[in-house]
């Protein structure tokens, strides 16, 4: 089924869901800030923390990679290939 712009309605729904997920993620980050779960829990319970947690460096877009970045990159590539295969097979 086509809509006015020539886009199939399924792609329009998928684009809307992706946009909505991005907005929700940005709102969640704005609400929680850069603190991890341990730091938020310690603040909520009034526990004394030693230090500021793990120092992972500045990271990328507010997120730091703990562990081996090569493994994270390989996992990302694998997920992209998997999603591409599902997209081609089912034609979503």
PDB file of N, CA and C in Angstrom:
ATOM      1  N   UNK A   1       0.841  -1.182   0.000  1.00  0.00           N
ATOM      2  CA  UNK A   1       0.000   0.000   0.000  1.00  0.00           C
ATOM      3  C   UNK A   1       0.890   1.250   0.000  1.00  0.00           C
ATOM      4  N   UNK A   2       0.647   2.150  -0.886  1.00  0.00           N
ATOM      5  CA  UNK A   2       1.437   3.384  -1.001  1.00  0.00           C
ATOM      6  C   UNK A   2       0.683   4.539  -0.352  1.00  0.00           C
ATOM      7  N   UNK A   3       1.486   5.471   0.189  1.00  0.00           N
ATOM      8  CA  UNK A   3       0.892   6.693   0.718  1.00  0.00           C
ATOM      9  C   UNK A   3       1.248   7.841  -0.210  1.00  0.00           C
ATOM     10  N   UNK A   4       0.879   9.042   0.145  1.00  0.00           N
ATOM     11  CA  UNK A   4       0.986  10.195  -0.757  1.00  0.00           C
ATOM     12  C   UNK A   4       2.387  10.407  -1.327  1.00  0.00           C
ATOM     13  N   UNK A   5       3.431  10.239  -0.544  1.00  0.00           N
ATOM     14  CA  UNK A   5       4.784  10.502  -1.002  1.00  0.00           C
ATOM     15  C   UNK A   5       5.390   9.372  -1.808  1.00  0.00           C
ATOM     16  N   UNK A   6       4.684   8.280  -1.974  1.00  0.00           N
ATOM     17  CA  UNK A   6       5.214   7.158  -2.701  1.00  0.00           C
ATOM     18  C   UNK A   6       5.902   6.134  -1.814  1.00  0.00           C
ATOM     19  N   UNK A   7       5.963   6.392  -0.524  1.00  0.00           N
ATOM     20  CA  UNK A   7       6.576   5.448   0.402  1.00  0.00           C
ATOM     21  C   UNK A   7       5.574   4.359   0.746  1.00  0.00           C
ATOM     22  N   UNK A   8       6.005   3.147   0.845  1.00  0.00           N
ATOM     23  CA  UNK A   8       5.096   2.119   1.373  1.00  0.00           C
ATOM     24  C   UNK A   8       4.791   2.424   2.833  1.00  0.00           C
ATOM     25  N   UNK A   9       3.592   2.138   3.257  1.00  0.00           N
ATOM     26  CA  UNK A   9       3.185   2.487   4.617  1.00  0.00           C
ATOM     27  C   UNK A   9       4.006   1.739   5.660  1.00  0.00           C
ATOM     28  N   UNK A  10       4.496   0.525   5.332  1.00  0.00           N
ATOM     29  CA  UNK A  10       5.314  -0.218   6.289  1.00  0.00           C
ATOM     30  C   UNK A  10       6.614   0.525   6.587  1.00  0.00           C
ATOM     31  N   UNK A  11       7.221   1.097   5.571  1.00  0.00           N
ATOM     32  CA  UNK A  11       8.463   1.848   5.785  1.00  0.00           C
ATOM     33  C   UNK A  11       8.204   3.112   6.588  1.00  0.00           C
ATOM     34  N   UNK A  12       7.071   3.720   6.370  1.00  0.00           N
ATOM     35  CA  UNK A  12       6.719   4.918   7.126  1.00  0.00           C
ATOM     36  C   UNK A  12       6.524   4.567   8.597  1.00  0.00           C
ATOM     37  N   UNK A  13       5.882   3.449   8.870  1.00  0.00           N
ATOM     38  CA  UNK A  13       5.686   3.007  10.255  1.00  0.00           C
ATOM     39  C   UNK A  13       7.031   2.678  10.891  1.00  0.00           C
ATOM     40  N   UNK A  14       7.901   1.970  10.155  1.00  0.00           N
ATOM     41  CA  UNK A  14       9.222   1.630  10.676  1.00  0.00           C
ATOM     42  C   UNK A  14      10.038   2.890  10.960  1.00  0.00           C
ATOM     43  N   UNK A  15      10.008   3.853  10.062  1.00  0.00           N
ATOM     44  CA  UNK A  15      10.731   5.111  10.277  1.00  0.00           C
ATOM     45  C   UNK A  15      10.177   5.834  11.501  1.00  0.00           C
ATOM     46  N   UNK A  16       8.875   5.816  11.682  1.00  0.00           N
ATOM     47  CA  UNK A  16       8.258   6.439  12.849  1.00  0.00           C
ATOM     48  C   UNK A  16       8.662   5.757  14.142  1.00  0.00           C
ATOM     49  N   UNK A  17       8.728   4.420  14.124  1.00  0.00           N
ATOM     50  CA  UNK A  17       9.140   3.687  15.314  1.00  0.00           C
ATOM     51  C   UNK A  17      10.603   3.948  15.665  1.00  0.00           C
ATOM     52  N   UNK A  18      11.449   4.034  14.643  1.00  0.00           N
ATOM     53  CA  UNK A  18      12.859   4.337  14.886  1.00  0.00           C
ATOM     54  C   UNK A  18      13.007   5.731  15.470  1.00  0.00           C
ATOM     55  N   UNK A  19      12.281   6.688  14.933  1.00  0.00           N
ATOM     56  CA  UNK A  19      12.317   8.057  15.447  1.00  0.00           C
ATOM     57  C   UNK A  19      11.805   8.107  16.884  1.00  0.00           C
ATOM     58  N   UNK A  20      10.720   7.393  17.168  1.00  0.00           N
ATOM     59  CA  UNK A  20      10.159   7.356  18.507  1.00  0.00           C
ATOM     60  C   UNK A  20      11.141   6.723  19.494  1.00  0.00           C
ATOM     61  N   UNK A  21      11.811   5.638  19.100  1.00  0.00           N
ATOM     62  CA  UNK A  21      12.796   4.994  19.970  1.00  0.00           C
ATOM     63  C   UNK A  21      13.959   5.935  20.249  1.00  0.00           C
ATOM     64  N   UNK A  22      14.390   6.695  19.242  1.00  0.00           N
ATOM     65  CA  UNK A  22      15.466   7.656  19.440  1.00  0.00           C
ATOM     66  C   UNK A  22      15.076   8.758  20.405  1.00  0.00           C
ATOM     67  N   UNK A  23      13.871   9.247  20.286  1.00  0.00           N
ATOM     68  CA  UNK A  23      13.392  10.306  21.186  1.00  0.00           C
ATOM     69  C   UNK A  23      13.298   9.787  22.617  1.00  0.00           C
ATOM     70  N   UNK A  24      12.776   8.566  22.782  1.00  0.00           N
ATOM     71  CA  UNK A  24      12.670   7.973  24.119  1.00  0.00           C
ATOM     72  C   UNK A  24      14.059   7.773  24.723  1.00  0.00           C
ATOM     73  N   UNK A  25      15.013   7.338  23.903  1.00  0.00           N
ATOM     74  CA  UNK A  25      16.379   7.136  24.400  1.00  0.00           C
ATOM     75  C   UNK A  25      16.998   8.454  24.846  1.00  0.00           C
ATOM     76  N   UNK A  26      16.793   9.525  24.083  1.00  0.00           N
ATOM     77  CA  UNK A  26      17.337  10.826  24.476  1.00  0.00           C
ATOM     78  C   UNK A  26      16.680  11.339  25.752  1.00  0.00           C
ATOM     79  N   UNK A  27      15.380  11.139  25.902  1.00  0.00           N
ATOM     80  CA  UNK A  27      14.691  11.561  27.119  1.00  0.00           C
ATOM     81  C   UNK A  27      15.173  10.761  28.325  1.00  0.00           C
ATOM     82  N   UNK A  28      15.400   9.462  28.135  1.00  0.00           N
ATOM     83  CA  UNK A  28      15.897   8.630  29.232  1.00  0.00           C
ATOM     84  C   UNK A  28      17.290   9.069  29.646  1.00  0.00           C
ATOM     85  N   UNK A  29      18.141   9.397  28.675  1.00  0.00           N
ATOM     86  CA  UNK A  29      19.493   9.868  29.009  1.00  0.00           C
ATOM     87  C   UNK A  29      19.419  11.215  29.728  1.00  0.00           C
ATOM     88  N   UNK A  30      18.522  12.078  29.279  1.00  0.00           N
ATOM     89  CA  UNK A  30      18.382  13.382  29.929  1.00  0.00           C
ATOM     90  C   UNK A  30      17.888  13.227  31.365  1.00  0.00           C
ATOM     91  N   UNK A  31      17.033  12.225  31.598  1.00  0.00           N
ATOM     92  CA  UNK A  31      16.490  12.019  32.936  1.00  0.00           C
ATOM     93  C   UNK A  31      17.511  11.388  33.874  1.00  0.00           C
ATOM     94  N   UNK A  32      18.324  10.464  33.375  1.00  0.00           N
ATOM     95  CA  UNK A  32      19.253   9.750  34.248  1.00  0.00           C
ATOM     96  C   UNK A  32      20.634  10.372  34.285  1.00  0.00           C
ATOM     97  N   UNK A  33      21.029  11.033  33.217  1.00  0.00           N
ATOM     98  CA  UNK A  33      22.358  11.633  33.171  1.00  0.00           C
ATOM     99  C   UNK A  33      23.429  10.591  32.925  1.00  0.00           C
ATOM    100  N   UNK A  34      24.670  10.992  33.081  1.00  0.00           N
ATOM    101  CA  UNK A  34      25.769  10.088  32.759  1.00  0.00           C
ATOM    102  C   UNK A  34      26.094   9.071  33.852  1.00  0.00           C
ATOM    103  N   UNK A  35      25.357   9.103  34.970  1.00  0.00           N
ATOM    104  CA  UNK A  35      25.657   8.187  36.060  1.00  0.00           C
ATOM    105  C   UNK A  35      25.239   6.766  35.710  1.00  0.00           C
ATOM    106  N   UNK A  36      26.004   5.812  36.180  1.00  0.00           N
ATOM    107  CA  UNK A  36      25.670   4.408  36.001  1.00  0.00           C
ATOM    108  C   UNK A  36      24.669   3.962  37.050  1.00  0.00           C
ATOM    109  N   UNK A  37      24.220   2.718  36.950  1.00  0.00           N
ATOM    110  CA  UNK A  37      23.223   2.202  37.887  1.00  0.00           C
ATOM    111  C   UNK A  37      23.764   2.168  39.314  1.00  0.00           C
ATOM    112  N   UNK A  38      25.055   1.870  39.471  1.00  0.00           N
ATOM    113  CA  UNK A  38      25.625   1.820  40.813  1.00  0.00           C
ATOM    114  C   UNK A  38      25.614   3.187  41.471  1.00  0.00           C
ATOM    115  N   UNK A  39      25.990   4.219  40.710  1.00  0.00           N
ATOM    116  CA  UNK A  39      26.011   5.560  41.267  1.00  0.00           C
ATOM    117  C   UNK A  39      24.606   6.057  41.605  1.00  0.00           C
ATOM    118  N   UNK A  40      23.643   5.771  40.748  1.00  0.00           N
ATOM    119  CA  UNK A  40      22.263   6.196  41.034  1.00  0.00           C
ATOM    120  C   UNK A  40      21.716   5.474  42.254  1.00  0.00           C
ATOM    121  N   UNK A  41      22.005   4.166  42.377  1.00  0.00           N
ATOM    122  CA  UNK A  41      21.540   3.403  43.527  1.00  0.00           C
ATOM    123  C   UNK A  41      22.160   3.934  44.808  1.00  0.00           C
ATOM    124  N   UNK A  42      23.464   4.221  44.762  1.00  0.00           N
ATOM    125  CA  UNK A  42      24.144   4.733  45.950  1.00  0.00           C
ATOM    126  C   UNK A  42      23.564   6.080  46.377  1.00  0.00           C
ATOM    127  N   UNK A  43      23.252   6.944  45.420  1.00  0.00           N
ATOM    128  CA  UNK A  43      22.656   8.241  45.754  1.00  0.00           C
ATOM    129  C   UNK A  43      21.259   8.063  46.333  1.00  0.00           C
ATOM    130  N   UNK A  44      20.484   7.149  45.768  1.00  0.00           N
ATOM    131  CA  UNK A  44      19.104   6.955  46.219  1.00  0.00           C
ATOM    132  C   UNK A  44      19.047   6.371  47.622  1.00  0.00           C
ATOM    133  N   UNK A  45      19.998   5.513  47.967  1.00  0.00           N
ATOM    134  CA  UNK A  45      19.986   4.879  49.282  1.00  0.00           C
ATOM    135  C   UNK A  45      20.816   5.624  50.312  1.00  0.00           C
ATOM    136  N   UNK A  46      21.578   6.628  49.873  1.00  0.00           N
ATOM    137  CA  UNK A  46      22.405   7.391  50.794  1.00  0.00           C
ATOM    138  C   UNK A  46      23.685   6.695  51.165  1.00  0.00           C
ATOM    139  N   UNK A  47      24.066   5.699  50.406  1.00  0.00           N
ATOM    140  CA  UNK A  47      25.308   4.983  50.690  1.00  0.00           C
ATOM    141  C   UNK A  47      26.503   5.837  50.281  1.00  0.00           C
ATOM    142  N   UNK A  48      27.599   5.659  50.988  1.00  0.00           N
ATOM    143  CA  UNK A  48      28.820   6.381  50.682  1.00  0.00           C
ATOM    144  C   UNK A  48      29.550   5.629  49.577  1.00  0.00           C
ATOM    145  N   UNK A  49      29.922   6.350  48.537  1.00  0.00           N
ATOM    146  CA  UNK A  49      30.663   5.714  47.451  1.00  0.00           C
ATOM    147  C   UNK A  49      32.118   6.114  47.549  1.00  0.00           C
ATOM    148  N   UNK A  50      32.984   5.223  47.153  1.00  0.00           N
ATOM    149  CA  UNK A  50      34.409   5.539  47.128  1.00  0.00           C
ATOM    150  C   UNK A  50      34.803   5.808  45.694  1.00  0.00           C
ATOM    151  N   UNK A  51      35.193   7.017  45.410  1.00  0.00           N
ATOM    152  CA  UNK A  51      35.583   7.375  44.055  1.00  0.00           C
ATOM    153  C   UNK A  51      34.364   7.684  43.194  1.00  0.00           C
ATOM    154  N   UNK A  52      34.608   7.776  41.917  1.00  0.00           N
ATOM    155  CA  UNK A  52      33.535   8.118  40.983  1.00  0.00           C
ATOM    156  C   UNK A  52      33.205   6.959  40.052  1.00  0.00           C
ATOM    157  N   UNK A  53      33.556   5.745  40.459  1.00  0.00           N
ATOM    158  CA  UNK A  53      33.272   4.606  39.598  1.00  0.00           C
ATOM    159  C   UNK A  53      34.427   4.339  38.659  1.00  0.00           C
ATOM    160  N   UNK A  54      34.159   3.576  37.652  1.00  0.00           N
ATOM    161  CA  UNK A  54      35.209   3.232  36.696  1.00  0.00           C
ATOM    162  C   UNK A  54      35.510   4.421  35.799  1.00  0.00           C
ATOM    163  N   UNK A  55      36.765   4.606  35.517  1.00  0.00           N
ATOM    164  CA  UNK A  55      37.176   5.695  34.640  1.00  0.00           C
ATOM    165  C   UNK A  55      37.394   5.124  33.250  1.00  0.00           C
ATOM    166  N   UNK A  56      36.385   5.250  32.411  1.00  0.00           N
ATOM    167  CA  UNK A  56      36.472   4.701  31.067  1.00  0.00           C
ATOM    168  C   UNK A  56      36.849   5.734  30.034  1.00  0.00           C
ATOM    169  N   UNK A  57      37.210   6.908  30.442  1.00  0.00           N
ATOM    170  CA  UNK A  57      37.544   7.953  29.486  1.00  0.00           C
ATOM    171  C   UNK A  57      36.293   8.666  29.021  1.00  0.00           C
ATOM    172  N   UNK A  58      36.449   9.601  28.109  1.00  0.00           N
ATOM    173  CA  UNK A  58      35.308  10.393  27.672  1.00  0.00           C
ATOM    174  C   UNK A  58      34.274   9.596  26.889  1.00  0.00           C
ATOM    175  N   UNK A  59      34.683   8.542  26.190  1.00  0.00           N
ATOM    176  CA  UNK A  59      33.742   7.725  25.447  1.00  0.00           C
ATOM    177  C   UNK A  59      33.249   8.406  24.185  1.00  0.00           C
ATOM    178  N   UNK A  60      32.216   7.838  23.626  1.00  0.00           N
ATOM    179  CA  UNK A  60      31.622   8.328  22.387  1.00  0.00           C
ATOM    180  C   UNK A  60      30.176   8.683  22.684  1.00  0.00           C
ATOM    181  N   UNK A  61      29.796   9.903  22.463  1.00  0.00           N
ATOM    182  CA  UNK A  61      28.429  10.386  22.674  1.00  0.00           C
ATOM    183  C   UNK A  61      27.931  10.090  24.089  1.00  0.00           C
ATOM    184  N   UNK A  62      28.837  10.195  25.075  1.00  0.00           N
ATOM    185  CA  UNK A  62      28.439   9.978  26.457  1.00  0.00           C
ATOM    186  C   UNK A  62      28.524   8.546  26.919  1.00  0.00           C
ATOM    187  N   UNK A  63      28.869   7.628  26.041  1.00  0.00           N
ATOM    188  CA  UNK A  63      28.941   6.219  26.400  1.00  0.00           C
ATOM    189  C   UNK A  63      30.387   5.762  26.308  1.00  0.00           C
ATOM    190  N   UNK A  64      30.843   5.051  27.318  1.00  0.00           N
ATOM    191  CA  UNK A  64      32.210   4.543  27.289  1.00  0.00           C
ATOM    192  C   UNK A  64      32.163   3.036  27.096  1.00  0.00           C
ATOM    193  N   UNK A  65      33.140   2.528  26.385  1.00  0.00           N
ATOM    194  CA  UNK A  65      33.236   1.096  26.153  1.00  0.00           C
ATOM    195  C   UNK A  65      34.120   0.492  27.229  1.00  0.00           C
ATOM    196  N   UNK A  66      33.571  -0.464  27.965  1.00  0.00           N
ATOM    197  CA  UNK A  66      34.347  -1.179  28.956  1.00  0.00           C
ATOM    198  C   UNK A  66      34.709  -2.517  28.344  1.00  0.00           C
ATOM    199  N   UNK A  67      35.941  -2.886  28.404  1.00  0.00           N
ATOM    200  CA  UNK A  67      36.352  -4.140  27.796  1.00  0.00           C
ATOM    201  C   UNK A  67      37.102  -3.863  26.508  1.00  0.00           C
ATOM    202  N   UNK A  68      36.938  -4.742  25.554  1.00  0.00           N
ATOM    203  CA  UNK A  68      37.676  -4.625  24.308  1.00  0.00           C
ATOM    204  C   UNK A  68      36.790  -4.036  23.217  1.00  0.00           C
ATOM    205  N   UNK A  69      37.121  -2.851  22.742  1.00  0.00           N
ATOM    206  CA  UNK A  69      36.322  -2.219  21.699  1.00  0.00           C
ATOM    207  C   UNK A  69      36.233  -3.055  20.417  1.00  0.00           C
ATOM    208  N   UNK A  70      37.241  -3.889  20.150  1.00  0.00           N
ATOM    209  CA  UNK A  70      37.193  -4.730  18.943  1.00  0.00           C
ATOM    210  C   UNK A  70      36.017  -5.703  19.024  1.00  0.00           C
ATOM    211  N   UNK A  71      35.777  -6.252  20.220  1.00  0.00           N
ATOM    212  CA  UNK A  71      34.656  -7.172  20.374  1.00  0.00           C
ATOM    213  C   UNK A  71      33.316  -6.454  20.200  1.00  0.00           C
ATOM    214  N   UNK A  72      33.235  -5.235  20.709  1.00  0.00           N
ATOM    215  CA  UNK A  72      32.011  -4.465  20.524  1.00  0.00           C
ATOM    216  C   UNK A  72      31.785  -4.163  19.038  1.00  0.00           C
ATOM    217  N   UNK A  73      32.861  -3.813  18.340  1.00  0.00           N
ATOM    218  CA  UNK A  73      32.751  -3.555  16.899  1.00  0.00           C
ATOM    219  C   UNK A  73      32.339  -4.799  16.137  1.00  0.00           C
ATOM    220  N   UNK A  74      32.929  -5.937  16.492  1.00  0.00           N
ATOM    221  CA  UNK A  74      32.564  -7.188  15.827  1.00  0.00           C
ATOM    222  C   UNK A  74      31.105  -7.547  16.089  1.00  0.00           C
ATOM    223  N   UNK A  75      30.657  -7.329  17.322  1.00  0.00           N
ATOM    224  CA  UNK A  75      29.252  -7.602  17.648  1.00  0.00           C
ATOM    225  C   UNK A  75      28.332  -6.677  16.870  1.00  0.00           C
ATOM    226  N   UNK A  76      28.702  -5.412  16.751  1.00  0.00           N
ATOM    227  CA  UNK A  76      27.896  -4.462  15.994  1.00  0.00           C
ATOM    228  C   UNK A  76      27.804  -4.870  14.528  1.00  0.00           C
ATOM    229  N   UNK A  77      28.934  -5.256  13.940  1.00  0.00           N
ATOM    230  CA  UNK A  77      28.938  -5.688  12.544  1.00  0.00           C
ATOM    231  C   UNK A  77      28.076  -6.935  12.370  1.00  0.00           C
ATOM    232  N   UNK A  78      28.179  -7.884  13.309  1.00  0.00           N
ATOM    233  CA  UNK A  78      27.370  -9.097  13.234  1.00  0.00           C
ATOM    234  C   UNK A  78      25.880  -8.778  13.307  1.00  0.00           C
ATOM    235  N   UNK A  79      25.504  -7.872  14.200  1.00  0.00           N
ATOM    236  CA  UNK A  79      24.103  -7.473  14.304  1.00  0.00           C
ATOM    237  C   UNK A  79      23.618  -6.760  13.044  1.00  0.00           C
ATOM    238  N   UNK A  80      24.465  -5.922  12.464  1.00  0.00           N
ATOM    239  CA  UNK A  80      24.085  -5.242  11.230  1.00  0.00           C
ATOM    240  C   UNK A  80      23.878  -6.243  10.094  1.00  0.00           C
ATOM    241  N   UNK A  81      24.767  -7.231   9.991  1.00  0.00           N
ATOM    242  CA  UNK A  81      24.618  -8.262   8.956  1.00  0.00           C
ATOM    243  C   UNK A  81      23.345  -9.070   9.194  1.00  0.00           C
ATOM    244  N   UNK A  82      23.088  -9.429  10.451  1.00  0.00           N
ATOM    245  CA  UNK A  82      21.884 -10.179  10.785  1.00  0.00           C
ATOM    246  C   UNK A  82      20.620  -9.385  10.452  1.00  0.00           C
ATOM    247  N   UNK A  83      20.598  -8.118  10.820  1.00  0.00           N
ATOM    248  CA  UNK A  83      19.432  -7.270  10.521  1.00  0.00           C
ATOM    249  C   UNK A  83      19.249  -7.103   9.007  1.00  0.00           C
ATOM    250  N   UNK A  84      20.361  -6.939   8.281  1.00  0.00           N
ATOM    251  CA  UNK A  84      20.276  -6.838   6.825  1.00  0.00           C
ATOM    252  C   UNK A  84      19.727  -8.098   6.209  1.00  0.00           C
ATOM    253  N   UNK A  85      20.148  -9.262   6.717  1.00  0.00           N
ATOM    254  CA  UNK A  85      19.629 -10.529   6.211  1.00  0.00           C
ATOM    255  C   UNK A  85      18.142 -10.693   6.477  1.00  0.00           C
ATOM    256  N   UNK A  86      17.705 -10.316   7.680  1.00  0.00           N
ATOM    257  CA  UNK A  86      16.278 -10.390   8.006  1.00  0.00           C
ATOM    258  C   UNK A  86      15.498  -9.424   7.113  1.00  0.00           C
ATOM    259  N   UNK A  87      16.062  -8.246   6.895  1.00  0.00           N
ATOM    260  CA  UNK A  87      15.396  -7.253   6.060  1.00  0.00           C
ATOM    261  C   UNK A  87      15.218  -7.768   4.630  1.00  0.00           C
ATOM    262  N   UNK A  88      16.279  -8.380   4.078  1.00  0.00           N
ATOM    263  CA  UNK A  88      16.193  -8.906   2.712  1.00  0.00           C
ATOM    264  C   UNK A  88      15.258 -10.100   2.607  1.00  0.00           C
ATOM    265  N   UNK A  89      15.313 -10.998   3.597  1.00  0.00           N
ATOM    266  CA  UNK A  89      14.490 -12.213   3.539  1.00  0.00           C
ATOM    267  C   UNK A  89      13.002 -11.893   3.642  1.00  0.00           C
ATOM    268  N   UNK A  90      12.661 -11.064   4.601  1.00  0.00           N
ATOM    269  CA  UNK A  90      11.253 -10.792   4.836  1.00  0.00           C
ATOM    270  C   UNK A  90      10.755  -9.524   4.169  1.00  0.00           C
ATOM    271  N   UNK A  91      11.624  -8.721   3.624  1.00  0.00           N
ATOM    272  CA  UNK A  91      11.239  -7.515   2.883  1.00  0.00           C
ATOM    273  C   UNK A  91      10.455  -6.528   3.706  1.00  0.00           C
ATOM    274  N   UNK A  92      10.874  -6.336   4.930  1.00  0.00           N
ATOM    275  CA  UNK A  92      10.152  -5.416   5.823  1.00  0.00           C
ATOM    276  C   UNK A  92      10.307  -4.013   5.310  1.00  0.00           C
TER     277      UNK A  92
END
